[in-house]
C-alpha atoms as a PDB file:
ATOM      1  CA  MET A   1     -33.225-174.629  -1.938  1.00  0.00           C
ATOM      2  CA  PHE A   2     -32.336-170.959  -1.442  1.00  0.00           C
ATOM      3  CA  GLU A   3     -28.668-170.316  -1.806  1.00  0.00           C
ATOM      4  CA  MET A   4     -26.563-167.281  -2.655  1.00  0.00           C
ATOM      5  CA  LYS A   5     -24.498-168.624  -5.541  1.00  0.00           C
ATOM      6  CA  GLU A   6     -21.287-167.174  -6.878  1.00  0.00           C
ATOM      7  CA  GLU A   7     -22.963-166.148 -10.152  1.00  0.00           C
ATOM      8  CA  TYR A   8     -25.373-163.886  -8.228  1.00  0.00           C
ATOM      9  CA  LYS A   9     -22.587-161.805  -6.709  1.00  0.00           C
ATOM     10  CA  LEU A  10     -22.072-158.271  -7.951  1.00  0.00           C
ATOM     11  CA  GLY A  11     -18.755-157.777  -6.215  1.00  0.00           C
ATOM     12  CA  ILE A  12     -20.263-155.004  -4.110  1.00  0.00           C
ATOM     13  CA  GLU A  13     -19.901-156.279  -0.556  1.00  0.00           C
ATOM     14  CA  LEU A  14     -22.913-154.516   0.982  1.00  0.00           C
ATOM     15  CA  ILE A  15     -25.309-155.549  -1.786  1.00  0.00           C
ATOM     16  CA  ASP A  16     -23.982-159.113  -1.946  1.00  0.00           C
ATOM     17  CA  THR A  17     -24.333-159.455   1.830  1.00  0.00           C
ATOM     18  CA  GLN A  18     -27.894-158.150   1.688  1.00  0.00           C
ATOM     19  CA  HIS A  19     -28.798-160.465  -1.186  1.00  0.00           C
ATOM     20  CA  ALA A  20     -27.409-163.368   0.866  1.00  0.00           C
ATOM     21  CA  LYS A  21     -29.665-162.311   3.764  1.00  0.00           C
ATOM     22  CA  LEU A  22     -32.690-162.347   1.433  1.00  0.00           C
ATOM     23  CA  PHE A  23     -31.759-165.877   0.321  1.00  0.00           C
ATOM     24  CA  GLU A  24     -31.488-166.834   3.991  1.00  0.00           C
ATOM     25  CA  ILE A  25     -35.015-165.518   4.642  1.00  0.00           C
ATOM     26  CA  GLY A  26     -36.233-167.559   1.672  1.00  0.00           C
ATOM     27  CA  GLU A  27     -34.479-170.645   3.025  1.00  0.00           C
ATOM     28  CA  ARG A  28     -36.217-170.228   6.376  1.00  0.00           C
ATOM     29  CA  ALA A  29     -39.581-170.023   4.599  1.00  0.00           C
ATOM     30  CA  TYR A  30     -38.738-173.167   2.641  1.00  0.00           C
ATOM     31  CA  ASN A  31     -37.697-175.028   5.795  1.00  0.00           C
ATOM     32  CA  LEU A  32     -40.938-173.941   7.467  1.00  0.00           C
ATOM     33  CA  LEU A  33     -42.930-175.364   4.566  1.00  0.00           C
ATOM     34  CA  LYS A  34     -41.093-178.681   4.847  1.00  0.00           C
ATOM     35  CA  ASP A  35     -41.457-178.848   8.662  1.00  0.00           C
ATOM     36  CA  SER A  36     -44.046-181.605   9.037  1.00  0.00           C
ATOM     37  CA  TYR A  37     -43.764-181.543  12.833  1.00  0.00           C
ATOM     38  CA  ARG A  38     -45.015-177.976  13.204  1.00  0.00           C
ATOM     39  CA  VAL A  39     -48.807-178.008  12.934  1.00  0.00           C
ATOM     40  CA  ASP A  40     -49.436-174.283  13.385  1.00  0.00           C
ATOM     41  CA  LYS A  41     -47.032-172.198  11.320  1.00  0.00           C
ATOM     42  CA  TYR A  42     -48.999-168.943  11.451  1.00  0.00           C
ATOM     43  CA  ASP A  43     -46.729-166.974  13.790  1.00  0.00           C
ATOM     44  CA  ARG A  44     -43.602-168.046  11.897  1.00  0.00           C
ATOM     45  CA  ILE A  45     -45.180-167.075   8.551  1.00  0.00           C
ATOM     46  CA  ILE A  46     -46.018-163.622   9.904  1.00  0.00           C
ATOM     47  CA  GLU A  47     -42.462-163.245  11.252  1.00  0.00           C
ATOM     48  CA  ILE A  48     -40.973-164.155   7.881  1.00  0.00           C
ATOM     49  CA  ILE A  49     -43.258-161.786   5.971  1.00  0.00           C
ATOM     50  CA  GLU A  50     -42.527-158.927   8.372  1.00  0.00           C
ATOM     51  CA  GLU A  51     -38.788-159.547   8.261  1.00  0.00           C
ATOM     52  CA  LEU A  52     -38.878-159.735   4.473  1.00  0.00           C
ATOM     53  CA  ARG A  53     -40.840-156.490   4.315  1.00  0.00           C
ATOM     54  CA  ARG A  54     -38.471-154.654   6.686  1.00  0.00           C
ATOM     55  CA  TYR A  55     -35.304-156.020   5.173  1.00  0.00           C
ATOM     56  CA  THR A  56     -36.210-155.342   1.545  1.00  0.00           C
ATOM     57  CA  ILE A  57     -36.919-151.708   2.388  1.00  0.00           C
ATOM     58  CA  ILE A  58     -33.423-151.399   3.890  1.00  0.00           C
ATOM     59  CA  HIS A  59     -31.845-153.314   1.019  1.00  0.00           C
ATOM     60  CA  PHE A  60     -33.606-151.317  -1.690  1.00  0.00           C
ATOM     61  CA  ARG A  61     -32.640-148.047  -0.008  1.00  0.00           C
ATOM     62  CA  ASP A  62     -28.989-149.074   0.167  1.00  0.00           C
ATOM     63  CA  GLU A  63     -28.951-150.461  -3.365  1.00  0.00           C
ATOM     64  CA  GLU A  64     -30.580-147.323  -4.768  1.00  0.00           C
ATOM     65  CA  GLU A  65     -28.141-145.097  -2.858  1.00  0.00           C
ATOM     66  CA  TYR A  66     -25.264-147.048  -4.374  1.00  0.00           C
ATOM     67  CA  MET A  67     -26.729-146.770  -7.874  1.00  0.00           C
ATOM     68  CA  ASP A  68     -27.254-143.043  -7.363  1.00  0.00           C
ATOM     69  CA  SER A  69     -23.639-142.640  -6.190  1.00  0.00           C
ATOM     70  CA  ILE A  70     -22.339-144.107  -9.465  1.00  0.00           C
ATOM     71  CA  ASN A  71     -24.924-142.258 -11.608  1.00  0.00           C
ATOM     72  CA  TYR A  72     -26.460-145.534 -12.732  1.00  0.00           C
ATOM     73  CA  LYS A  73     -28.628-144.923 -15.803  1.00  0.00           C
ATOM     74  CA  ARG A  74     -31.225-147.563 -14.934  1.00  0.00           C
ATOM     75  CA  LEU A  75     -31.881-146.311 -11.393  1.00  0.00           C
ATOM     76  CA  PHE A  76     -35.446-145.200 -12.179  1.00  0.00           C
ATOM     77  CA  THR A  77     -36.342-148.645 -13.569  1.00  0.00           C
ATOM     78  CA  GLN A  78     -34.825-150.279 -10.496  1.00  0.00           C
ATOM     79  CA  LYS A  79     -36.922-148.044  -8.229  1.00  0.00           C
ATOM     80  CA  ILE A  80     -40.068-149.116 -10.083  1.00  0.00           C
ATOM     81  CA  ASP A  81     -39.129-152.802  -9.753  1.00  0.00           C
ATOM     82  CA  HIS A  82     -38.372-152.341  -6.059  1.00  0.00           C
ATOM     83  CA  ALA A  83     -41.724-150.645  -5.451  1.00  0.00           C
ATOM     84  CA  GLU A  84     -43.522-153.497  -7.253  1.00  0.00           C
ATOM     85  CA  PHE A  85     -41.789-156.073  -5.065  1.00  0.00           C
ATOM     86  CA  ILE A  86     -42.729-154.244  -1.865  1.00  0.00           C
ATOM     87  CA  LYS A  87     -46.313-154.028  -3.133  1.00  0.00           C
ATOM     88  CA  LYS A  88     -46.357-157.819  -3.689  1.00  0.00           C
ATOM     89  CA  ILE A  89     -45.221-158.377  -0.122  1.00  0.00           C
ATOM     90  CA  ASN A  90     -47.712-155.843   1.219  1.00  0.00           C
ATOM     91  CA  ASP A  91     -50.514-157.483  -0.782  1.00  0.00           C
ATOM     92  CA  VAL A  92     -50.143-160.816   1.013  1.00  0.00           C
ATOM     93  CA  ASN A  93     -53.430-161.130   2.868  1.00  0.00           C
ATOM     94  CA  LEU A  94     -52.412-161.742   6.474  1.00  0.00           C
ATOM     95  CA  ASP A  95     -56.022-162.414   7.490  1.00  0.00           C
ATOM     96  CA  LYS A  96     -56.275-165.465   5.226  1.00  0.00           C
ATOM     97  CA  ILE A  97     -52.945-167.071   6.145  1.00  0.00           C
ATOM     98  CA  ASP A  98     -54.427-169.177   8.926  1.00  0.00           C
ATOM     99  CA  GLN A  99     -56.870-170.868   6.533  1.00  0.00           C
ATOM    100  CA  ASN A 100     -54.160-172.503   4.414  1.00  0.00           C
ATOM    101  CA  GLN A 101     -50.747-171.908   5.889  1.00  0.00           C
ATOM    102  CA  ASP A 102     -48.689-173.974   3.457  1.00  0.00           C
ATOM    103  CA  GLU A 103     -50.339-172.230   0.501  1.00  0.00           C
ATOM    104  CA  TYR A 104     -49.193-168.871   1.858  1.00  0.00           C
ATOM    105  CA  ILE A 105     -45.695-170.140   2.519  1.00  0.00           C
ATOM    106  CA  MET A 106     -45.608-171.254  -1.125  1.00  0.00           C
ATOM    107  CA  GLU A 107     -46.790-167.790  -2.186  1.00  0.00           C
ATOM    108  CA  ILE A 108     -43.967-166.215  -0.193  1.00  0.00           C
ATOM    109  CA  LEU A 109     -41.466-168.669  -1.666  1.00  0.00           C
ATOM    110  CA  ASN A 110     -42.650-167.926  -5.192  1.00  0.00           C
ATOM    111  CA  ILE A 111     -42.350-164.180  -4.622  1.00  0.00           C
ATOM    112  CA  ILE A 112     -38.883-164.480  -3.111  1.00  0.00           C
ATOM    113  CA  SER A 113     -37.464-167.009  -5.573  1.00  0.00           C
ATOM    114  CA  LYS A 114     -38.799-165.298  -8.686  1.00  0.00           C
ATOM    115  CA  TRP A 115     -37.671-161.922  -7.472  1.00  0.00           C
ATOM    116  CA  LEU A 116     -34.235-162.853  -6.199  1.00  0.00           C
ATOM    117  CA  VAL A 117     -33.017-164.921  -9.074  1.00  0.00           C
ATOM    118  CA  GLU A 118     -34.663-163.011 -11.917  1.00  0.00           C
ATOM    119  CA  HIS A 119     -34.033-159.557 -10.520  1.00  0.00           C
ATOM    120  CA  ILE A 120     -30.415-160.197  -9.578  1.00  0.00           C
ATOM    121  CA  ILE A 121     -29.557-161.851 -12.895  1.00  0.00           C
ATOM    122  CA  GLU A 122     -31.607-159.614 -15.198  1.00  0.00           C
ATOM    123  CA  LYS A 123     -31.271-156.261 -13.424  1.00  0.00           C
ATOM    124  CA  ASP A 124     -28.762-156.074 -10.599  1.00  0.00           C
ATOM    125  CA  LEU A 125     -25.866-157.635 -12.481  1.00  0.00           C
ATOM    126  CA  LEU A 126     -26.219-154.833 -15.047  1.00  0.00           C
ATOM    127  CA  ILE A 127     -25.031-152.420 -12.350  1.00  0.00           C
ATOM    128  CA  VAL A 128     -21.527-153.864 -12.632  1.00  0.00           C
ATOM    129  CA  ALA A 129     -21.611-154.962 -16.300  1.00  0.00           C
ATOM    130  CA  LYS A 130     -18.705-153.652 -18.305  1.00  0.00           C
END
């Protein structure tokens, strides 16, 4: 379901590699949702959320540093979008995950899929637009 496609690539190796890693995290969340043999997914959900949180902070820092280095005019807007994404991840209520684990995996998947595809296509590709 989650796949780094050719049309998502910016041609900036570091950013493309990091975007691919975010797709890989999304794919692991999707596979966890579909894993009918695993009854208790709580620990794996927490791991995925924590990894997503840590990795997006690194990715956003690197992406913003790149944009700053090329004097990208939309850097401020990108920073706002990045902060909103981190807030969405931070707002996931970890205390309620155990009550309905699949629902929270779906929430994570929705956050990741909406963000990755929409943000890359609508915002990140503008970094390299001619």
